[in-house]
Amino acid sequence: MMGFRVLLTKEMREQLRTNRLIAVAAVFILFGIIGPLTDRYMKELIDAVGSQSGGFTMQVPPPSLDGAATQILKNLSQFGIVCALLLAMGSVAWEKERGTAGMILTKPASRAAFLAAKLVAISLTLGLATALGCGFGYVYTLLLYPSVFPLGGYLAMALMMWWMSVAFAAITMLGSTVTRSAVAAAGIGLLAMLLLGIVGALPVIGTYSPSSLGAPALDLMLGHDPGWILGPVLFNIALVPAIFAVTWLAFRRQEL
């Protein structure tokens, strides 16, 4: 892909210059920390509020690794998808709207390299943020609980959550390519999130949805047997290049 290295360097500089990388990393770190903190102190907080309100009671499970894992995974998956949508929604639409896409592609750079540089830069940003969020979550769990998650399973969970967010970034970037509106692209990403959530609830094919990666990720995180996950994992790995191919086919036919 002609010009890919130069374009990737440009995209990463933009991620830093616009503070997108710092903002996304801060979001992941914040919610990585909040996960174990919420599980560890929620019961004490509810009990304290109940004693002050004169008899108010609420059943809250005692803190446990299972609860901390659920909180970490929920936070990282939800906000990972939101960050993926925000990063990808204007990736191509804004370039077309401002006319910079045409200027860039008059130089020795292919359209495939133009798109690939954007997707790789977004993936690297999400990857660094996921690593930081999971790292802080792991450290806080280590500090707050007598035991901690098995490291291998925790790393597998982090990789699965990262790739899930990359899949939604790829879908949103496709929306940003076929439209000229970042808002429309975000709408396509949100619609995909809802539809894939529904697909994930279906028998048989549901396990192949990106949104269904959370269940085996939780089992791996806790050191449990996730069952047969090779097929769903390989399918989701192949899903991103497939979406990218559709994005490229749509983009190569467009007049800029």
Protein backbone atom coordinates (compact mmCIF):
# COMPACT_ATOMS: atom_id res chain seq x y z
CA MET A 1 0.00 0.00 0.00
CA MET A 2 1.73 3.11 -1.29
CA GLY A 3 2.33 5.78 1.34
CA PHE A 4 1.03 3.75 4.29
CA ARG A 5 3.95 4.48 6.63
CA VAL A 6 3.84 8.23 6.03
CA LEU A 7 0.07 8.34 6.44
CA LEU A 8 0.18 6.25 9.63
CA THR A 9 2.76 8.63 11.12
CA LYS A 10 0.48 11.54 10.21
CA GLU A 11 -2.53 9.86 11.81
CA MET A 12 -0.67 9.08 15.04
CA ARG A 13 0.58 12.66 15.25
CA GLU A 14 -3.00 13.85 14.87
CA GLN A 15 -4.12 11.49 17.63
CA LEU A 16 -1.57 13.17 19.91
CA ARG A 17 -1.99 16.73 18.67
CA THR A 18 -5.77 16.67 19.07
CA ASN A 19 -5.44 14.96 22.50
CA ARG A 20 -7.63 12.07 21.36
CA LEU A 21 -5.07 9.54 22.56
CA ILE A 22 -4.78 11.19 25.98
CA ALA A 23 -8.55 11.58 26.36
CA VAL A 24 -9.33 7.96 25.44
CA ALA A 25 -6.53 6.66 27.68
CA ALA A 26 -7.85 8.78 30.58
CA VAL A 27 -11.37 7.36 30.11
CA PHE A 28 -10.10 3.77 30.14
CA ILE A 29 -7.87 4.37 33.17
CA LEU A 30 -10.72 6.03 35.08
CA PHE A 31 -13.19 3.23 34.47
CA GLY A 32 -10.53 0.55 34.94
CA ILE A 33 -10.02 1.93 38.46
CA ILE A 34 -13.72 2.51 39.17
CA GLY A 35 -14.55 -1.15 38.41
CA PRO A 36 -12.88 -2.80 41.44
CA LEU A 37 -13.55 0.24 43.64
CA THR A 38 -17.28 0.02 42.94
CA ASP A 39 -17.49 -3.66 43.81
CA ARG A 40 -15.26 -3.35 46.88
CA TYR A 41 -17.00 -0.41 48.56
CA MET A 42 -20.55 -0.39 47.17
CA LYS A 43 -21.97 -2.52 50.02
CA GLU A 44 -20.31 -0.33 52.65
CA LEU A 45 -21.57 2.81 50.92
CA ILE A 46 -25.15 1.51 50.67
CA ASP A 47 -25.07 0.36 54.31
CA ALA A 48 -23.82 3.80 55.40
CA VAL A 49 -26.53 5.57 53.40
CA GLY A 50 -29.16 3.21 54.83
CA SER A 51 -28.10 3.88 58.41
CA GLN A 52 -28.26 7.63 57.84
CA SER A 53 -31.68 7.50 56.13
CA GLY A 54 -33.35 5.62 58.98
CA GLY A 55 -34.05 2.09 57.91
CA PHE A 56 -33.37 2.27 54.17
CA THR A 57 -32.09 -1.14 53.06
CA MET A 58 -30.87 -2.61 49.80
CA GLN A 59 -29.44 -6.03 49.17
CA VAL A 60 -25.94 -5.68 47.74
CA PRO A 61 -23.70 -8.71 47.17
CA PRO A 62 -20.51 -8.74 49.24
CA PRO A 63 -17.32 -7.76 47.38
CA SER A 64 -15.69 -10.59 45.41
CA LEU A 65 -13.40 -11.19 42.46
CA ASP A 66 -16.45 -12.17 40.42
CA GLY A 67 -18.05 -8.81 41.14
CA ALA A 68 -14.85 -6.89 40.39
CA ALA A 69 -14.41 -8.80 37.12
CA THR A 70 -17.99 -8.02 36.07
CA GLN A 71 -17.54 -4.32 36.82
CA ILE A 72 -14.20 -4.07 34.98
CA LEU A 73 -15.50 -5.93 31.94
CA LYS A 74 -18.75 -3.95 31.79
CA ASN A 75 -16.95 -0.61 32.01
CA LEU A 76 -14.26 -1.45 29.47
CA SER A 77 -16.67 -2.96 26.94
CA GLN A 78 -19.27 -0.18 27.12
CA PHE A 79 -16.88 2.75 27.11
CA GLY A 80 -14.54 0.99 24.69
CA ILE A 81 -17.33 0.85 22.11
CA VAL A 82 -18.29 4.48 22.77
CA CYS A 83 -14.68 5.62 22.31
CA ALA A 84 -14.38 3.52 19.14
CA LEU A 85 -17.46 5.23 17.68
CA LEU A 86 -16.18 8.70 18.59
CA LEU A 87 -12.72 8.06 17.13
CA ALA A 88 -13.99 6.59 13.86
CA MET A 89 -17.13 8.64 13.15
CA GLY A 90 -15.32 11.50 11.44
CA SER A 91 -12.23 9.67 10.28
CA VAL A 92 -13.14 9.81 6.59
CA ALA A 93 -16.25 12.03 6.53
CA TRP A 94 -14.40 15.06 7.88
CA GLU A 95 -11.55 14.58 5.41
CA LYS A 96 -14.05 14.50 2.52
CA GLU A 97 -16.00 17.46 3.89
CA ARG A 98 -12.87 19.62 4.22
CA GLY A 99 -11.45 18.47 0.89
CA THR A 100 -8.23 17.19 2.47
CA ALA A 101 -8.86 13.61 1.32
CA GLY A 102 -8.52 14.63 -2.30
CA MET A 103 -5.37 16.64 -1.56
CA ILE A 104 -3.72 13.72 0.23
CA LEU A 105 -4.58 11.26 -2.52
CA THR A 106 -3.04 13.48 -5.21
CA LYS A 107 0.29 12.59 -3.61
CA PRO A 108 1.85 9.13 -4.05
CA ALA A 109 -0.58 7.46 -1.65
CA SER A 110 -3.19 4.83 -2.43
CA ARG A 111 -6.75 4.87 -1.17
CA ALA A 112 -6.16 1.56 0.60
CA ALA A 113 -3.20 3.09 2.48
CA PHE A 114 -5.30 6.16 3.33
CA LEU A 115 -7.99 4.01 4.94
CA ALA A 116 -5.62 1.48 6.51
CA ALA A 117 -3.58 4.21 8.21
CA LYS A 118 -6.72 5.58 9.83
CA LEU A 119 -7.97 2.20 11.05
CA VAL A 120 -4.54 1.15 12.34
CA ALA A 121 -4.07 4.48 14.17
CA ILE A 122 -7.48 4.16 15.82
CA SER A 123 -6.70 0.53 16.71
CA LEU A 124 -3.37 1.52 18.28
CA THR A 125 -5.07 4.25 20.31
CA LEU A 126 -7.71 1.82 21.54
CA GLY A 127 -5.04 -0.80 22.22
CA LEU A 128 -2.94 1.51 24.37
CA ALA A 129 -6.02 2.74 26.23
CA THR A 130 -7.23 -0.83 26.83
CA ALA A 131 -3.81 -1.86 28.13
CA LEU A 132 -3.74 1.07 30.54
CA GLY A 133 -7.32 0.57 31.70
CA CYS A 134 -6.84 -3.15 32.26
CA GLY A 135 -3.48 -2.55 33.91
CA PHE A 136 -4.88 -0.11 36.44
CA GLY A 137 -7.87 -2.38 37.04
CA TYR A 138 -5.53 -5.29 37.75
CA VAL A 139 -3.38 -3.25 40.15
CA TYR A 140 -6.39 -1.96 42.09
CA THR A 141 -7.81 -5.47 42.34
CA LEU A 142 -4.46 -6.61 43.69
CA LEU A 143 -4.56 -3.84 46.31
CA LEU A 144 -8.19 -4.29 47.35
CA TYR A 145 -8.63 -8.09 47.34
CA PRO A 146 -6.71 -10.95 48.95
CA SER A 147 -6.38 -12.71 45.58
CA VAL A 148 -6.18 -11.53 42.00
CA PHE A 149 -7.16 -12.71 38.51
CA PRO A 150 -4.96 -15.26 36.71
CA LEU A 151 -2.64 -13.18 34.55
CA GLY A 152 -2.99 -15.26 31.38
CA GLY A 153 -6.77 -15.15 31.43
CA TYR A 154 -6.73 -11.44 32.24
CA LEU A 155 -4.49 -10.70 29.26
CA ALA A 156 -6.78 -12.77 27.02
CA MET A 157 -9.75 -10.73 28.26
CA ALA A 158 -7.92 -7.48 27.49
CA LEU A 159 -7.13 -8.63 23.95
CA MET A 160 -10.74 -9.66 23.33
CA MET A 161 -12.10 -6.35 24.62
CA TRP A 162 -9.62 -4.46 22.45
CA TRP A 163 -10.57 -6.37 19.33
CA MET A 164 -14.27 -5.90 20.04
CA SER A 165 -13.77 -2.12 20.12
CA VAL A 166 -11.70 -2.32 16.91
CA ALA A 167 -14.58 -4.15 15.21
CA PHE A 168 -17.00 -1.36 16.09
CA ALA A 169 -14.44 1.22 14.97
CA ALA A 170 -14.21 -0.56 11.61
CA ILE A 171 -18.01 -0.56 11.26
CA THR A 172 -18.21 3.14 12.12
CA MET A 173 -15.38 3.95 9.71
CA LEU A 174 -17.37 2.19 7.00
CA GLY A 175 -20.26 4.50 7.86
CA SER A 176 -17.90 7.48 7.74
CA THR A 177 -16.81 6.39 4.27
CA VAL A 178 -20.21 5.80 2.67
CA THR A 179 -21.62 9.07 4.06
CA ARG A 180 -20.32 12.61 4.26
CA SER A 181 -21.53 13.13 7.83
CA ALA A 182 -19.77 12.17 11.04
CA VAL A 183 -23.14 12.17 12.82
CA ALA A 184 -24.54 9.71 10.29
CA ALA A 185 -21.47 7.52 10.72
CA ALA A 186 -21.97 7.53 14.51
CA GLY A 187 -25.62 6.60 13.93
CA ILE A 188 -24.53 3.65 11.79
CA GLY A 189 -22.14 2.56 14.55
CA LEU A 190 -24.87 2.81 17.20
CA LEU A 191 -27.31 0.92 15.01
CA ALA A 192 -24.70 -1.81 14.49
CA MET A 193 -24.17 -1.99 18.26
CA LEU A 194 -27.91 -2.48 18.83
CA LEU A 195 -28.32 -5.02 16.04
CA LEU A 196 -25.25 -7.02 17.08
CA GLY A 197 -26.53 -6.99 20.65
CA ILE A 198 -29.77 -8.54 19.43
CA VAL A 199 -27.87 -11.07 17.29
CA GLY A 200 -25.77 -11.93 20.33
CA ALA A 201 -28.90 -13.11 22.15
CA LEU A 202 -29.77 -15.60 19.40
CA PRO A 203 -28.83 -19.28 19.74
CA VAL A 204 -25.92 -20.70 17.71
CA ILE A 205 -25.02 -17.60 15.69
CA GLY A 206 -25.15 -15.34 18.75
CA THR A 207 -21.74 -16.49 19.96
CA TYR A 208 -20.16 -15.09 16.78
CA SER A 209 -21.30 -11.52 17.41
CA PRO A 210 -18.55 -9.12 18.60
CA SER A 211 -20.76 -8.11 21.53
CA SER A 212 -20.83 -11.77 22.67
CA LEU A 213 -17.08 -11.84 23.33
CA GLY A 214 -17.76 -10.53 26.83
CA ALA A 215 -19.02 -13.89 28.17
CA PRO A 216 -15.92 -15.97 27.32
CA ALA A 217 -13.73 -13.01 28.26
CA LEU A 218 -15.26 -13.03 31.75
CA ASP A 219 -14.67 -16.79 32.10
CA LEU A 220 -11.03 -16.42 31.02
CA MET A 221 -10.60 -13.49 33.38
CA LEU A 222 -11.76 -15.59 36.33
CA GLY A 223 -9.82 -18.69 35.30
CA HIS A 224 -12.93 -20.64 34.28
CA ASP A 225 -13.33 -22.82 31.20
CA PRO A 226 -14.95 -20.63 28.50
CA GLY A 227 -15.88 -23.64 26.37
CA TRP A 228 -15.30 -23.72 22.63
CA ILE A 229 -14.38 -20.17 21.58
CA LEU A 230 -11.96 -20.76 18.71
CA GLY A 231 -14.64 -20.34 16.03
CA PRO A 232 -16.09 -17.08 17.42
CA VAL A 233 -12.61 -15.65 18.03
CA LEU A 234 -11.37 -16.48 14.52
CA PHE A 235 -14.61 -15.12 13.02
CA ASN A 236 -14.20 -11.81 14.83
CA ILE A 237 -10.53 -11.60 13.87
CA ALA A 238 -11.53 -12.04 10.21
CA LEU A 239 -14.48 -9.65 10.56
CA VAL A 240 -12.34 -6.51 10.73
CA PRO A 241 -10.40 -7.16 7.48
CA ALA A 242 -13.70 -8.06 5.80
CA ILE A 243 -15.29 -4.77 6.89
CA PHE A 244 -12.15 -2.94 5.77
CA ALA A 245 -12.39 -4.55 2.34
CA VAL A 246 -16.00 -3.34 1.98
CA THR A 247 -14.89 0.14 3.11
CA TRP A 248 -12.14 0.20 0.48
CA LEU A 249 -14.49 -0.99 -2.27
CA ALA A 250 -16.92 1.80 -1.40
CA PHE A 251 -14.19 4.44 -1.15
CA ARG A 252 -12.37 3.60 -4.38
CA ARG A 253 -15.50 4.41 -6.40
CA GLN A 254 -16.07 7.80 -4.82
CA GLU A 255 -15.31 11.15 -6.42
CA LEU A 256 -13.42 13.34 -3.95
